[in-house]
Amino acid sequence: MAWSTSELATLAGTTVNTIRHYHRLGLLEEPERRYNGYKQYETSDLVCLLRIRRLVELGVPLSRISELGAGSPEALRQVDVDHADAIQRLEKARQGIAAILNENAPPDTPPGFESVGGRLSDADRSIIHMYTQVFDEQGLADVRQAVENDDTVNEDFEALPADADEATRQNLAEKFAPSLARTFRDFPWMDGDPMAHVVKGKSVTRQTFIDAVRELHNEAQLDVLRRAKDMAREQLRAEG
């Protein structure tokens, strides 16, 4: 019995393009051609194709088909390990999606911050994304708690133009100072030693954060942050 490429594809439950792709990869040998130039596939070709399809169904990468076809149980075990890792990543992704949807948070909310995602500005999310790469678990937990405790309205700060006048800057700084003082009181490391919970590249991380804050805020916003920090520190000193 002999079949054309399209007939072989139908028998194997695949497509002509897939068969041609397997030919290019060397997984399926090119058969002899008929007098009219068309390929002529035999039973051995069908069996070979079905074996390839079975391995593909098992999730074996095409680049490892030859290795698995030679009967390597260790290689198959490694594929299973890869599947387990992929399943774990997908489960984690699904949990993240569920948290984002449940909290109605922006899709790009950093992991673990879904409950406060709606309160974070674009600049806040950008900086926290950086935090997730360098802070330890306790540091991230403290940052999340600080955000949850912060009842300051940020819309005015986000909309603050670079040429904001003196009175506007001072007014915003005074609004931010009490919340910032509370954060410094609850988490002293955020003011005293911001690198205390950084787990890698402290020297590089410090400068990276400094540069990020400068790039993500305009001149007036940076001025407000500086003033608010000074006021918060003065308040803490006054409290003793």
Protein backbone atom coordinates (compact mmCIF):
# COMPACT_ATOMS: atom_id res chain seq x y z
CA MET A 1 0.00 0.00 0.00
CA ALA A 2 1.30 3.48 -0.85
CA TRP A 3 -0.04 6.91 0.00
CA SER A 4 0.47 10.48 -1.15
CA THR A 5 1.53 13.18 1.30
CA SER A 6 -2.04 14.37 1.80
CA GLU A 7 -3.29 10.83 2.33
CA LEU A 8 -0.54 10.15 4.85
CA ALA A 9 -1.42 13.36 6.68
CA THR A 10 -5.06 12.30 6.89
CA LEU A 11 -4.18 8.86 8.19
CA ALA A 12 -1.87 10.30 10.86
CA GLY A 13 -4.23 13.10 11.87
CA THR A 14 -1.82 15.84 10.95
CA THR A 15 -1.14 18.23 8.06
CA VAL A 16 0.93 18.20 4.91
CA ASN A 17 2.95 21.16 6.19
CA THR A 18 3.74 19.27 9.38
CA ILE A 19 5.02 16.29 7.41
CA ARG A 20 7.19 18.59 5.30
CA HIS A 21 8.50 20.19 8.48
CA TYR A 22 9.46 16.76 9.84
CA HIS A 23 11.27 16.08 6.57
CA ARG A 24 13.28 19.30 6.93
CA LEU A 25 14.23 18.37 10.50
CA GLY A 26 15.33 14.92 9.43
CA LEU A 27 12.77 13.20 11.66
CA LEU A 28 10.95 11.60 8.75
CA GLU A 29 12.90 10.35 5.76
CA GLU A 30 11.94 11.50 2.27
CA PRO A 31 10.24 8.56 0.45
CA GLU A 32 10.71 7.53 -3.12
CA ARG A 33 8.72 9.35 -5.75
CA ARG A 34 6.32 7.90 -8.27
CA TYR A 35 6.78 8.25 -12.01
CA ASN A 36 4.72 11.46 -11.85
CA GLY A 37 7.02 13.03 -9.25
CA TYR A 38 4.72 12.65 -6.25
CA LYS A 39 6.03 11.16 -3.00
CA GLN A 40 5.04 7.60 -2.28
CA TYR A 41 4.74 6.72 1.40
CA GLU A 42 4.76 3.16 2.71
CA THR A 43 3.59 1.56 5.95
CA SER A 44 6.99 2.14 7.57
CA ASP A 45 6.62 5.88 6.89
CA LEU A 46 3.19 5.92 8.50
CA VAL A 47 4.45 4.07 11.56
CA CYS A 48 7.40 6.45 11.87
CA LEU A 49 5.07 9.44 11.60
CA LEU A 50 2.69 8.03 14.19
CA ARG A 51 5.59 7.49 16.59
CA ILE A 52 6.67 11.09 16.12
CA ARG A 53 3.11 12.28 16.72
CA ARG A 54 2.93 10.24 19.90
CA LEU A 55 6.07 11.83 21.29
CA VAL A 56 4.77 15.26 20.30
CA GLU A 57 1.54 14.50 22.20
CA LEU A 58 3.67 13.72 25.24
CA GLY A 59 5.16 17.19 24.93
CA VAL A 60 8.58 16.09 23.74
CA PRO A 61 10.33 18.96 21.91
CA LEU A 62 11.03 18.20 18.26
CA SER A 63 14.71 18.75 18.95
CA ARG A 64 14.66 15.73 21.30
CA ILE A 65 12.54 13.38 19.22
CA SER A 66 15.55 11.50 17.86
CA GLU A 67 16.91 11.00 21.37
CA LEU A 68 13.58 9.70 22.66
CA GLY A 69 13.02 7.58 19.60
CA ALA A 70 16.24 5.74 20.41
CA GLY A 71 14.67 4.57 23.67
CA SER A 72 16.16 6.78 26.39
CA PRO A 73 14.12 6.60 29.63
CA GLU A 74 16.32 9.24 31.25
CA ALA A 75 15.50 11.67 28.48
CA LEU A 76 11.79 11.00 28.97
CA ARG A 77 12.14 11.52 32.71
CA GLN A 78 13.75 14.89 32.02
CA VAL A 79 10.81 15.80 29.80
CA ASP A 80 8.52 14.92 32.70
CA VAL A 81 10.55 17.16 35.03
CA ASP A 82 10.26 19.97 32.49
CA HIS A 83 6.50 19.44 32.35
CA ALA A 84 6.27 19.59 36.14
CA ASP A 85 8.16 22.88 36.16
CA ALA A 86 5.92 24.26 33.41
CA ILE A 87 2.79 23.22 35.32
CA GLN A 88 4.11 24.94 38.43
CA ARG A 89 4.77 28.12 36.46
CA LEU A 90 1.30 28.00 34.91
CA GLU A 91 -0.35 27.43 38.29
CA LYS A 92 1.53 30.40 39.69
CA ALA A 93 0.47 32.47 36.68
CA ARG A 94 -3.17 31.45 37.16
CA GLN A 95 -3.00 32.40 40.84
CA GLY A 96 -1.60 35.78 39.84
CA ILE A 97 -4.34 36.31 37.26
CA ALA A 98 -7.01 35.31 39.81
CA ALA A 99 -5.62 37.79 42.35
CA ILE A 100 -5.52 40.59 39.77
CA LEU A 101 -9.09 39.92 38.65
CA ASN A 102 -10.34 39.53 42.22
CA GLU A 103 -8.80 42.85 43.28
CA ASN A 104 -9.55 44.58 39.97
CA ALA A 105 -5.89 45.58 39.84
CA PRO A 106 -3.98 46.69 36.74
CA PRO A 107 -2.66 43.68 34.75
CA ASP A 108 0.96 44.73 35.28
CA THR A 109 0.64 44.92 39.07
CA PRO A 110 3.78 43.45 40.71
CA PRO A 111 3.28 39.98 42.24
CA GLY A 112 2.05 40.12 45.82
CA PHE A 113 0.76 43.67 45.46
CA GLU A 114 -2.58 42.89 43.83
CA SER A 115 -4.56 44.04 46.90
CA VAL A 116 -3.07 47.54 46.61
CA GLY A 117 -2.53 47.59 42.84
CA GLY A 118 -5.37 50.01 42.21
CA ARG A 119 -3.75 52.56 44.53
CA LEU A 120 -0.36 52.47 42.86
CA SER A 121 0.65 55.02 40.26
CA ASP A 122 2.57 54.01 37.16
CA ALA A 123 5.74 55.25 38.84
CA ASP A 124 4.95 53.29 42.02
CA ARG A 125 4.38 50.08 40.07
CA SER A 126 7.60 50.62 38.14
CA ILE A 127 9.65 51.03 41.31
CA ILE A 128 7.98 48.10 43.08
CA HIS A 129 8.67 45.91 40.05
CA MET A 130 12.33 46.71 40.66
CA TYR A 131 11.91 45.97 44.38
CA THR A 132 10.62 42.46 43.60
CA GLN A 133 13.93 41.68 41.91
CA VAL A 134 16.22 42.70 44.75
CA PHE A 135 14.36 42.77 48.09
CA ASP A 136 13.97 39.74 50.33
CA GLU A 137 10.51 38.49 51.37
CA GLN A 138 10.42 40.54 54.56
CA GLY A 139 11.39 43.71 52.72
CA LEU A 140 8.60 43.22 50.19
CA ALA A 141 6.13 42.44 52.96
CA ASP A 142 7.08 45.70 54.69
CA VAL A 143 6.68 47.67 51.47
CA ARG A 144 3.26 46.11 50.87
CA GLN A 145 2.19 46.89 54.45
CA ALA A 146 3.41 50.47 54.11
CA VAL A 147 1.33 50.93 50.96
CA GLU A 148 -1.73 49.43 52.67
CA ASN A 149 -1.30 51.82 55.61
CA ASP A 150 -0.85 54.86 53.36
CA ASP A 151 -4.14 56.77 53.17
CA THR A 152 -2.64 59.71 51.26
CA VAL A 153 -4.41 60.65 48.04
CA ASN A 154 -1.82 60.60 45.26
CA GLU A 155 -3.79 62.11 42.37
CA ASP A 156 -2.54 65.63 43.06
CA PHE A 157 1.03 64.40 43.29
CA GLU A 158 0.78 62.43 40.04
CA ALA A 159 -0.67 65.46 38.24
CA LEU A 160 1.88 67.88 39.69
CA PRO A 161 3.57 69.80 36.85
CA ALA A 162 7.33 70.30 36.85
CA ASP A 163 6.88 74.08 37.24
CA ALA A 164 4.50 73.87 40.22
CA ASP A 165 4.69 76.93 42.46
CA GLU A 166 6.14 77.05 45.97
CA ALA A 167 2.81 76.99 47.78
CA THR A 168 1.56 73.94 45.90
CA ARG A 169 4.78 72.04 46.58
CA GLN A 170 4.74 72.88 50.27
CA ASN A 171 1.07 71.97 50.62
CA LEU A 172 1.60 68.54 49.06
CA ALA A 173 4.67 67.88 51.16
CA GLU A 174 2.69 68.66 54.31
CA LYS A 175 0.00 66.19 53.24
CA PHE A 176 2.55 63.42 52.62
CA ALA A 177 4.68 63.98 55.72
CA PRO A 178 2.42 62.33 58.37
CA SER A 179 2.00 59.15 56.35
CA LEU A 180 5.71 59.06 55.60
CA ALA A 181 6.52 59.56 59.28
CA ARG A 182 4.28 56.60 60.13
CA THR A 183 6.07 54.48 57.55
CA PHE A 184 9.49 55.42 58.94
CA ARG A 185 8.24 54.70 62.46
CA ASP A 186 6.86 51.29 61.54
CA PHE A 187 9.72 50.34 59.23
CA PRO A 188 12.86 52.26 60.31
CA TRP A 189 15.02 50.55 57.68
CA MET A 190 13.17 52.37 54.89
CA ASP A 191 14.72 55.62 56.03
CA GLY A 192 17.77 54.54 58.00
CA ASP A 193 19.09 51.74 55.79
CA PRO A 194 17.09 51.26 52.56
CA MET A 195 19.51 48.53 51.48
CA ALA A 196 18.90 46.42 54.61
CA HIS A 197 16.64 43.98 52.79
CA VAL A 198 18.40 43.99 49.43
CA VAL A 199 19.69 40.50 48.71
CA LYS A 200 21.91 41.16 45.71
CA GLY A 201 24.08 43.88 44.23
CA LYS A 202 23.66 46.46 46.99
CA SER A 203 26.00 49.05 45.51
CA VAL A 204 24.47 48.77 42.07
CA THR A 205 20.93 48.60 43.46
CA ARG A 206 21.31 51.78 45.49
CA GLN A 207 22.32 53.83 42.46
CA THR A 208 19.68 52.13 40.31
CA PHE A 209 16.93 53.15 42.72
CA ILE A 210 18.24 56.69 42.91
CA ASP A 211 18.30 56.94 39.11
CA ALA A 212 14.84 55.37 38.82
CA VAL A 213 13.24 57.82 41.23
CA ARG A 214 14.79 60.71 39.32
CA GLU A 215 13.65 59.40 35.94
CA LEU A 216 10.11 58.55 37.04
CA HIS A 217 9.37 61.90 38.69
CA ASN A 218 9.62 65.46 37.52
CA GLU A 219 11.50 68.25 39.32
CA ALA A 220 8.53 69.39 41.39
CA GLN A 221 7.62 65.87 42.48
CA LEU A 222 11.19 65.20 43.57
CA ASP A 223 11.13 68.44 45.53
CA VAL A 224 7.89 67.41 47.26
CA LEU A 225 9.38 64.04 48.18
CA ARG A 226 12.47 65.68 49.65
CA ARG A 227 10.39 68.12 51.69
CA ALA A 228 8.02 65.42 52.92
CA LYS A 229 10.97 63.26 54.06
CA ASP A 230 12.52 66.19 55.94
CA MET A 231 9.19 66.94 57.64
CA ALA A 232 8.66 63.28 58.53
CA ARG A 233 12.13 63.03 60.06
CA GLU A 234 11.57 66.23 62.03
CA GLN A 235 8.27 64.87 63.34
CA LEU A 236 9.96 61.67 64.50
CA ARG A 237 12.72 63.63 66.21
CA ALA A 238 10.12 65.74 67.98
CA GLU A 239 8.39 62.59 69.21
CA GLY A 240 11.71 61.45 70.67
